[in-house]
Amino acid sequence: MWSPLLFGLLVLLMPAATAHAQSAPTGFQSPSKNITCQYFADDKQNALRCDIAAMEIKPRRPADCELDYGGAFQMNTKGPAARLCHGDTVMDPRLPVLGYGEVWQRGGFTCTSEQTGVTCFNAERRGFSLSRGKQEVF
């Protein structure tokens, strides 16, 4: 028998479970799982953010950044890419692995996974190359 309390609890939890299922992340992770990229679609502008977990040399944090710095990069469909001051991460083990030599494309972004790292660029061919040894914004 369903108790009114149990039924009410199930009704309250169903929208949250449905919203969670619909908000599955879009993107990929490198075969080493050291680099993860997530795509975010917006009505006005799409964005791609990639985080790198381990780097041989971590850059100096700017004075105006009170959070983490060095391991997160983001760009929009148009315009320059940038290294971020951030307090979160897009690392998510649910994302599929983009195998070495494979290409991922979505919403104006193209990323390539190689044994030497991940390179992503936007519609204006601006972006970043990320590897454990070197991170470059172009």
N, C-alpha and C. Protein backbone atom coordinates (compact mmCIF):
# COMPACT_ATOMS: atom_id res chain seq x y z
N MET A 1 0.83 -1.18 0.00
CA MET A 1 0.00 0.00 0.00
C MET A 1 0.87 1.25 0.00
N TRP A 2 0.49 2.23 -0.75
CA TRP A 2 1.19 3.52 -0.80
C TRP A 2 0.69 4.40 0.33
N SER A 3 1.58 4.88 1.15
CA SER A 3 1.18 5.83 2.17
C SER A 3 1.15 7.22 1.54
N PRO A 4 0.31 8.12 2.01
CA PRO A 4 0.26 9.48 1.45
C PRO A 4 1.62 10.18 1.55
N LEU A 5 2.38 9.91 2.62
CA LEU A 5 3.68 10.55 2.77
C LEU A 5 4.67 10.05 1.72
N LEU A 6 4.71 8.75 1.48
CA LEU A 6 5.61 8.18 0.49
C LEU A 6 5.23 8.67 -0.91
N PHE A 7 3.94 8.70 -1.22
CA PHE A 7 3.49 9.16 -2.52
C PHE A 7 3.87 10.63 -2.73
N GLY A 8 3.68 11.46 -1.71
CA GLY A 8 4.05 12.87 -1.79
C GLY A 8 5.54 13.05 -2.02
N LEU A 9 6.34 12.23 -1.34
CA LEU A 9 7.78 12.31 -1.51
C LEU A 9 8.19 11.92 -2.93
N LEU A 10 7.57 10.89 -3.49
CA LEU A 10 7.87 10.49 -4.87
C LEU A 10 7.49 11.58 -5.86
N VAL A 11 6.34 12.22 -5.65
CA VAL A 11 5.91 13.29 -6.54
C VAL A 11 6.89 14.46 -6.47
N LEU A 12 7.40 14.76 -5.29
CA LEU A 12 8.36 15.85 -5.14
C LEU A 12 9.69 15.53 -5.79
N LEU A 13 10.12 14.29 -5.75
CA LEU A 13 11.42 13.91 -6.29
C LEU A 13 11.41 13.71 -7.80
N MET A 14 10.27 13.41 -8.41
CA MET A 14 10.22 13.14 -9.84
C MET A 14 10.72 14.32 -10.68
N PRO A 15 10.31 15.57 -10.44
CA PRO A 15 10.83 16.65 -11.28
C PRO A 15 12.35 16.79 -11.17
N ALA A 16 12.91 16.59 -10.00
CA ALA A 16 14.36 16.71 -9.83
C ALA A 16 15.08 15.61 -10.61
N ALA A 17 14.56 14.40 -10.58
CA ALA A 17 15.17 13.30 -11.31
C ALA A 17 15.07 13.54 -12.81
N THR A 18 13.93 14.05 -13.27
CA THR A 18 13.76 14.35 -14.69
C THR A 18 14.69 15.46 -15.12
N ALA A 19 14.81 16.52 -14.33
CA ALA A 19 15.71 17.63 -14.67
C ALA A 19 17.15 17.15 -14.71
N HIS A 20 17.53 16.28 -13.78
CA HIS A 20 18.90 15.78 -13.76
C HIS A 20 19.19 14.96 -15.01
N ALA A 21 18.23 14.13 -15.42
CA ALA A 21 18.44 13.30 -16.60
C ALA A 21 18.56 14.17 -17.85
N GLN A 22 17.80 15.26 -17.92
CA GLN A 22 17.85 16.13 -19.08
C GLN A 22 19.11 16.98 -19.11
N SER A 23 19.76 17.17 -17.99
CA SER A 23 20.92 18.06 -17.94
C SER A 23 22.23 17.27 -17.98
N ALA A 24 22.22 16.13 -18.65
CA ALA A 24 23.46 15.37 -18.79
C ALA A 24 24.49 16.23 -19.52
N PRO A 25 25.73 16.19 -19.10
CA PRO A 25 26.74 17.04 -19.72
C PRO A 25 27.03 16.64 -21.17
N THR A 26 27.44 17.62 -21.96
CA THR A 26 27.82 17.40 -23.35
C THR A 26 29.30 17.73 -23.48
N GLY A 27 30.06 16.83 -24.00
CA GLY A 27 31.49 17.07 -24.16
C GLY A 27 32.25 15.77 -24.20
N PHE A 28 33.48 15.79 -23.70
CA PHE A 28 34.33 14.61 -23.77
C PHE A 28 35.47 14.73 -22.75
N GLN A 29 36.18 13.63 -22.58
CA GLN A 29 37.41 13.64 -21.79
C GLN A 29 38.49 12.92 -22.60
N SER A 30 39.73 13.29 -22.33
CA SER A 30 40.86 12.67 -23.03
C SER A 30 41.02 11.23 -22.53
N PRO A 31 41.69 10.38 -23.32
CA PRO A 31 41.90 9.00 -22.88
C PRO A 31 42.62 8.90 -21.53
N SER A 32 43.51 9.85 -21.22
CA SER A 32 44.20 9.84 -19.93
C SER A 32 43.32 10.38 -18.81
N LYS A 33 42.19 10.97 -19.19
CA LYS A 33 41.24 11.61 -18.26
C LYS A 33 41.85 12.83 -17.57
N ASN A 34 42.94 13.35 -18.10
CA ASN A 34 43.59 14.54 -17.56
C ASN A 34 42.94 15.82 -18.08
N ILE A 35 42.27 15.74 -19.23
CA ILE A 35 41.63 16.90 -19.84
C ILE A 35 40.16 16.57 -20.08
N THR A 36 39.29 17.48 -19.67
CA THR A 36 37.85 17.33 -19.88
C THR A 36 37.31 18.61 -20.49
N CYS A 37 36.45 18.47 -21.49
CA CYS A 37 35.82 19.63 -22.12
C CYS A 37 34.31 19.48 -22.09
N GLN A 38 33.63 20.57 -21.74
CA GLN A 38 32.17 20.58 -21.77
C GLN A 38 31.68 21.73 -22.63
N TYR A 39 30.62 21.43 -23.37
CA TYR A 39 29.97 22.38 -24.26
C TYR A 39 28.72 22.91 -23.57
N PHE A 40 28.52 24.22 -23.66
CA PHE A 40 27.36 24.87 -23.07
C PHE A 40 26.64 25.67 -24.16
N ALA A 41 25.37 25.36 -24.40
CA ALA A 41 24.57 26.06 -25.40
C ALA A 41 23.71 27.11 -24.71
N ASP A 42 23.69 28.28 -25.30
CA ASP A 42 22.91 29.40 -24.79
C ASP A 42 22.18 30.00 -25.99
N ASP A 43 21.08 30.67 -25.75
CA ASP A 43 20.34 31.29 -26.85
C ASP A 43 21.19 32.30 -27.61
N LYS A 44 22.09 32.99 -26.91
CA LYS A 44 22.87 34.05 -27.52
C LYS A 44 24.28 33.61 -27.92
N GLN A 45 24.89 32.73 -27.15
CA GLN A 45 26.30 32.39 -27.38
C GLN A 45 26.60 30.99 -26.86
N ASN A 46 27.26 30.19 -27.67
CA ASN A 46 27.72 28.88 -27.21
C ASN A 46 29.10 29.04 -26.60
N ALA A 47 29.43 28.17 -25.66
CA ALA A 47 30.74 28.23 -25.01
C ALA A 47 31.31 26.83 -24.87
N LEU A 48 32.63 26.76 -24.89
CA LEU A 48 33.34 25.51 -24.64
C LEU A 48 34.36 25.78 -23.56
N ARG A 49 34.32 24.94 -22.53
CA ARG A 49 35.30 25.06 -21.45
C ARG A 49 36.03 23.74 -21.32
N CYS A 50 37.35 23.83 -21.18
CA CYS A 50 38.17 22.65 -20.98
C CYS A 50 39.01 22.84 -19.72
N ASP A 51 39.06 21.82 -18.90
CA ASP A 51 39.87 21.83 -17.68
C ASP A 51 40.95 20.77 -17.79
N ILE A 52 42.12 21.08 -17.25
CA ILE A 52 43.22 20.13 -17.21
C ILE A 52 43.57 19.90 -15.74
N ALA A 53 43.64 18.64 -15.34
CA ALA A 53 43.85 18.30 -13.94
C ALA A 53 45.30 18.43 -13.51
N ALA A 54 46.22 17.90 -14.32
CA ALA A 54 47.63 17.90 -13.93
C ALA A 54 48.47 18.62 -14.98
N MET A 55 49.29 19.54 -14.50
CA MET A 55 50.20 20.30 -15.37
C MET A 55 51.58 20.24 -14.75
N GLU A 56 52.60 20.17 -15.60
CA GLU A 56 53.97 20.14 -15.08
C GLU A 56 54.35 21.48 -14.45
N ILE A 57 53.93 22.57 -15.06
CA ILE A 57 54.21 23.91 -14.53
C ILE A 57 52.89 24.66 -14.43
N LYS A 58 52.54 25.06 -13.24
CA LYS A 58 51.30 25.82 -13.04
C LYS A 58 51.63 27.31 -13.09
N PRO A 59 50.89 28.08 -13.89
CA PRO A 59 51.18 29.50 -14.01
C PRO A 59 50.86 30.26 -12.71
N ARG A 60 51.49 31.39 -12.56
CA ARG A 60 51.25 32.24 -11.39
C ARG A 60 49.85 32.82 -11.44
N ARG A 61 49.18 32.78 -10.31
CA ARG A 61 47.83 33.31 -10.21
C ARG A 61 47.87 34.83 -10.20
N PRO A 62 47.04 35.51 -11.03
CA PRO A 62 47.01 36.97 -11.03
C PRO A 62 46.53 37.51 -9.68
N ALA A 63 46.94 38.71 -9.35
CA ALA A 63 46.57 39.32 -8.07
C ALA A 63 45.07 39.49 -7.93
N ASP A 64 44.35 39.68 -9.04
CA ASP A 64 42.90 39.90 -8.96
C ASP A 64 42.09 38.60 -8.96
N CYS A 65 42.75 37.46 -8.87
CA CYS A 65 42.07 36.17 -8.84
C CYS A 65 42.22 35.56 -7.45
N GLU A 66 41.10 35.41 -6.76
CA GLU A 66 41.12 34.83 -5.42
C GLU A 66 40.75 33.35 -5.43
N LEU A 67 40.52 32.80 -6.61
CA LEU A 67 40.12 31.39 -6.73
C LEU A 67 41.26 30.60 -7.37
N ASP A 68 40.94 29.47 -7.98
CA ASP A 68 41.94 28.65 -8.67
C ASP A 68 42.29 29.30 -10.01
N TYR A 69 43.52 29.09 -10.45
CA TYR A 69 43.93 29.66 -11.72
C TYR A 69 44.91 28.71 -12.41
N GLY A 70 44.77 28.63 -13.71
CA GLY A 70 45.75 27.89 -14.50
C GLY A 70 45.21 26.67 -15.21
N GLY A 71 44.22 25.99 -14.65
CA GLY A 71 43.77 24.73 -15.20
C GLY A 71 42.45 24.76 -15.94
N ALA A 72 41.90 25.96 -16.22
CA ALA A 72 40.62 26.05 -16.92
C ALA A 72 40.73 27.05 -18.06
N PHE A 73 40.15 26.67 -19.21
CA PHE A 73 40.19 27.50 -20.42
C PHE A 73 38.79 27.55 -21.01
N GLN A 74 38.44 28.71 -21.57
CA GLN A 74 37.10 28.84 -22.14
C GLN A 74 37.13 29.75 -23.35
N MET A 75 36.18 29.48 -24.26
CA MET A 75 35.99 30.35 -25.42
C MET A 75 34.54 30.28 -25.86
N ASN A 76 34.12 31.33 -26.55
CA ASN A 76 32.82 31.37 -27.18
C ASN A 76 32.99 31.00 -28.64
N THR A 77 31.88 30.92 -29.37
CA THR A 77 31.93 30.57 -30.79
C THR A 77 32.78 31.55 -31.57
N LYS A 78 32.75 32.82 -31.16
CA LYS A 78 33.56 33.85 -31.80
C LYS A 78 34.33 34.58 -30.73
N GLY A 79 35.50 35.05 -31.08
CA GLY A 79 36.31 35.81 -30.13
C GLY A 79 37.45 34.97 -29.57
N PRO A 80 38.23 35.60 -28.70
CA PRO A 80 39.42 34.94 -28.17
C PRO A 80 39.11 33.90 -27.10
N ALA A 81 40.03 33.00 -26.92
CA ALA A 81 39.99 32.04 -25.82
C ALA A 81 40.75 32.64 -24.64
N ALA A 82 40.50 32.13 -23.45
CA ALA A 82 41.18 32.67 -22.27
C ALA A 82 41.37 31.60 -21.21
N ARG A 83 42.39 31.80 -20.40
CA ARG A 83 42.60 31.01 -19.19
C ARG A 83 41.73 31.65 -18.12
N LEU A 84 41.07 30.83 -17.29
CA LEU A 84 40.08 31.34 -16.34
C LEU A 84 40.56 31.36 -14.89
N CYS A 85 40.05 32.32 -14.17
CA CYS A 85 40.06 32.31 -12.71
C CYS A 85 38.74 31.61 -12.36
N HIS A 86 38.79 30.51 -11.63
CA HIS A 86 37.57 29.71 -11.45
C HIS A 86 37.50 29.07 -10.07
N GLY A 87 36.28 28.77 -9.68
CA GLY A 87 36.06 28.10 -8.41
C GLY A 87 35.34 26.78 -8.57
N ASP A 88 35.24 26.29 -9.81
CA ASP A 88 34.54 25.05 -10.10
C ASP A 88 35.34 24.26 -11.13
N THR A 89 34.76 23.18 -11.60
CA THR A 89 35.42 22.36 -12.62
C THR A 89 34.38 21.75 -13.54
N VAL A 90 34.79 21.41 -14.75
CA VAL A 90 33.91 20.69 -15.67
C VAL A 90 34.31 19.21 -15.76
N MET A 91 35.26 18.80 -14.94
CA MET A 91 35.66 17.38 -14.92
C MET A 91 34.43 16.54 -14.54
N ASP A 92 34.10 15.57 -15.38
CA ASP A 92 32.92 14.75 -15.14
C ASP A 92 33.17 13.36 -15.73
N PRO A 93 33.24 12.33 -14.90
CA PRO A 93 33.54 10.99 -15.40
C PRO A 93 32.44 10.41 -16.29
N ARG A 94 31.26 11.05 -16.34
CA ARG A 94 30.18 10.56 -17.20
C ARG A 94 30.43 10.87 -18.67
N LEU A 95 31.34 11.80 -18.96
CA LEU A 95 31.58 12.19 -20.34
C LEU A 95 32.33 11.10 -21.09
N PRO A 96 32.02 10.92 -22.38
CA PRO A 96 32.71 9.88 -23.15
C PRO A 96 34.17 10.26 -23.43
N VAL A 97 34.97 9.26 -23.67
CA VAL A 97 36.38 9.47 -24.01
C VAL A 97 36.49 9.75 -25.51
N LEU A 98 37.24 10.80 -25.84
CA LEU A 98 37.56 11.11 -27.24
C LEU A 98 38.92 10.49 -27.51
N GLY A 99 38.92 9.40 -28.27
CA GLY A 99 40.15 8.64 -28.50
C GLY A 99 41.19 9.43 -29.27
N TYR A 100 42.43 9.02 -29.12
CA TYR A 100 43.53 9.66 -29.84
C TYR A 100 43.26 9.61 -31.34
N GLY A 101 43.46 10.75 -32.01
CA GLY A 101 43.21 10.84 -33.44
C GLY A 101 41.77 11.16 -33.81
N GLU A 102 40.89 11.21 -32.82
CA GLU A 102 39.47 11.50 -33.09
C GLU A 102 39.20 12.99 -33.00
N VAL A 103 38.14 13.42 -33.70
CA VAL A 103 37.72 14.82 -33.72
C VAL A 103 36.31 14.92 -33.15
N TRP A 104 36.09 15.94 -32.34
CA TRP A 104 34.77 16.24 -31.75
C TRP A 104 34.34 17.61 -32.26
N GLN A 105 33.10 17.71 -32.75
CA GLN A 105 32.58 18.99 -33.22
C GLN A 105 31.18 19.22 -32.67
N ARG A 106 30.95 20.48 -32.27
CA ARG A 106 29.62 20.84 -31.77
C ARG A 106 29.52 22.36 -31.73
N GLY A 107 28.42 22.92 -32.24
CA GLY A 107 28.08 24.32 -32.07
C GLY A 107 29.15 25.33 -32.46
N GLY A 108 29.94 25.05 -33.47
CA GLY A 108 30.97 25.98 -33.91
C GLY A 108 32.35 25.71 -33.33
N PHE A 109 32.50 24.62 -32.58
CA PHE A 109 33.79 24.26 -31.99
C PHE A 109 34.30 22.96 -32.60
N THR A 110 35.61 22.85 -32.71
CA THR A 110 36.26 21.62 -33.18
C THR A 110 37.39 21.31 -32.22
N CYS A 111 37.45 20.08 -31.75
CA CYS A 111 38.53 19.63 -30.87
C CYS A 111 39.12 18.34 -31.42
N THR A 112 40.43 18.22 -31.28
CA THR A 112 41.14 17.02 -31.70
C THR A 112 41.91 16.46 -30.52
N SER A 113 41.81 15.16 -30.33
CA SER A 113 42.53 14.47 -29.27
C SER A 113 43.74 13.77 -29.88
N GLU A 114 44.91 14.07 -29.35
CA GLU A 114 46.15 13.43 -29.78
C GLU A 114 46.90 12.93 -28.55
N GLN A 115 47.86 12.07 -28.74
CA GLN A 115 48.65 11.59 -27.61
C GLN A 115 49.39 12.74 -26.93
N THR A 116 49.62 13.82 -27.67
CA THR A 116 50.33 14.99 -27.12
C THR A 116 49.39 15.97 -26.43
N GLY A 117 48.07 15.74 -26.46
CA GLY A 117 47.12 16.63 -25.79
C GLY A 117 45.88 16.88 -26.61
N VAL A 118 45.13 17.91 -26.22
CA VAL A 118 43.87 18.26 -26.87
C VAL A 118 43.99 19.68 -27.41
N THR A 119 43.56 19.87 -28.66
CA THR A 119 43.51 21.20 -29.26
C THR A 119 42.08 21.48 -29.68
N CYS A 120 41.58 22.67 -29.29
CA CYS A 120 40.22 23.09 -29.63
C CYS A 120 40.25 24.49 -30.22
N PHE A 121 39.37 24.72 -31.19
CA PHE A 121 39.26 26.07 -31.75
C PHE A 121 37.81 26.35 -32.11
N ASN A 122 37.52 27.66 -32.26
CA ASN A 122 36.16 28.10 -32.57
C ASN A 122 36.02 28.43 -34.05
N ALA A 123 34.90 29.05 -34.42
CA ALA A 123 34.62 29.38 -35.82
C ALA A 123 35.65 30.35 -36.40
N GLU A 124 36.30 31.13 -35.57
CA GLU A 124 37.33 32.07 -36.02
C GLU A 124 38.74 31.47 -35.93
N ARG A 125 38.80 30.16 -35.67
CA ARG A 125 40.06 29.41 -35.52
C ARG A 125 40.93 29.94 -34.38
N ARG A 126 40.28 30.45 -33.35
CA ARG A 126 40.96 30.85 -32.13
C ARG A 126 40.65 29.79 -31.08
N GLY A 127 41.60 29.54 -30.18
CA GLY A 127 41.37 28.49 -29.20
C GLY A 127 42.55 28.23 -28.31
N PHE A 128 42.75 26.93 -28.00
CA PHE A 128 43.83 26.54 -27.09
C PHE A 128 44.28 25.12 -27.36
N SER A 129 45.54 24.87 -27.00
CA SER A 129 46.12 23.53 -27.02
C SER A 129 46.53 23.21 -25.59
N LEU A 130 46.11 22.06 -25.10
CA LEU A 130 46.36 21.69 -23.71
C LEU A 130 47.08 20.35 -23.62
N SER A 131 48.13 20.32 -22.82
CA SER A 131 48.82 19.08 -22.51
C SER A 131 49.42 19.23 -21.12
N ARG A 132 49.85 18.13 -20.57
CA ARG A 132 50.46 18.17 -19.23
C ARG A 132 51.68 19.10 -19.21
N GLY A 133 52.44 19.13 -20.31
CA GLY A 133 53.67 19.91 -20.35
C GLY A 133 53.49 21.36 -20.74
N LYS A 134 52.41 21.68 -21.48
CA LYS A 134 52.27 23.04 -21.99
C LYS A 134 50.80 23.36 -22.29
N GLN A 135 50.39 24.56 -21.95
CA GLN A 135 49.05 25.05 -22.29
C GLN A 135 49.24 26.35 -23.07
N GLU A 136 48.60 26.41 -24.23
CA GLU A 136 48.78 27.57 -25.09
C GLU A 136 47.43 28.08 -25.58
N VAL A 137 47.22 29.41 -25.49
CA VAL A 137 46.03 30.05 -26.03
C VAL A 137 46.44 30.73 -27.33
N PHE A 138 45.67 30.54 -28.39
CA PHE A 138 46.00 31.16 -29.68
C PHE A 138 44.79 31.85 -30.28
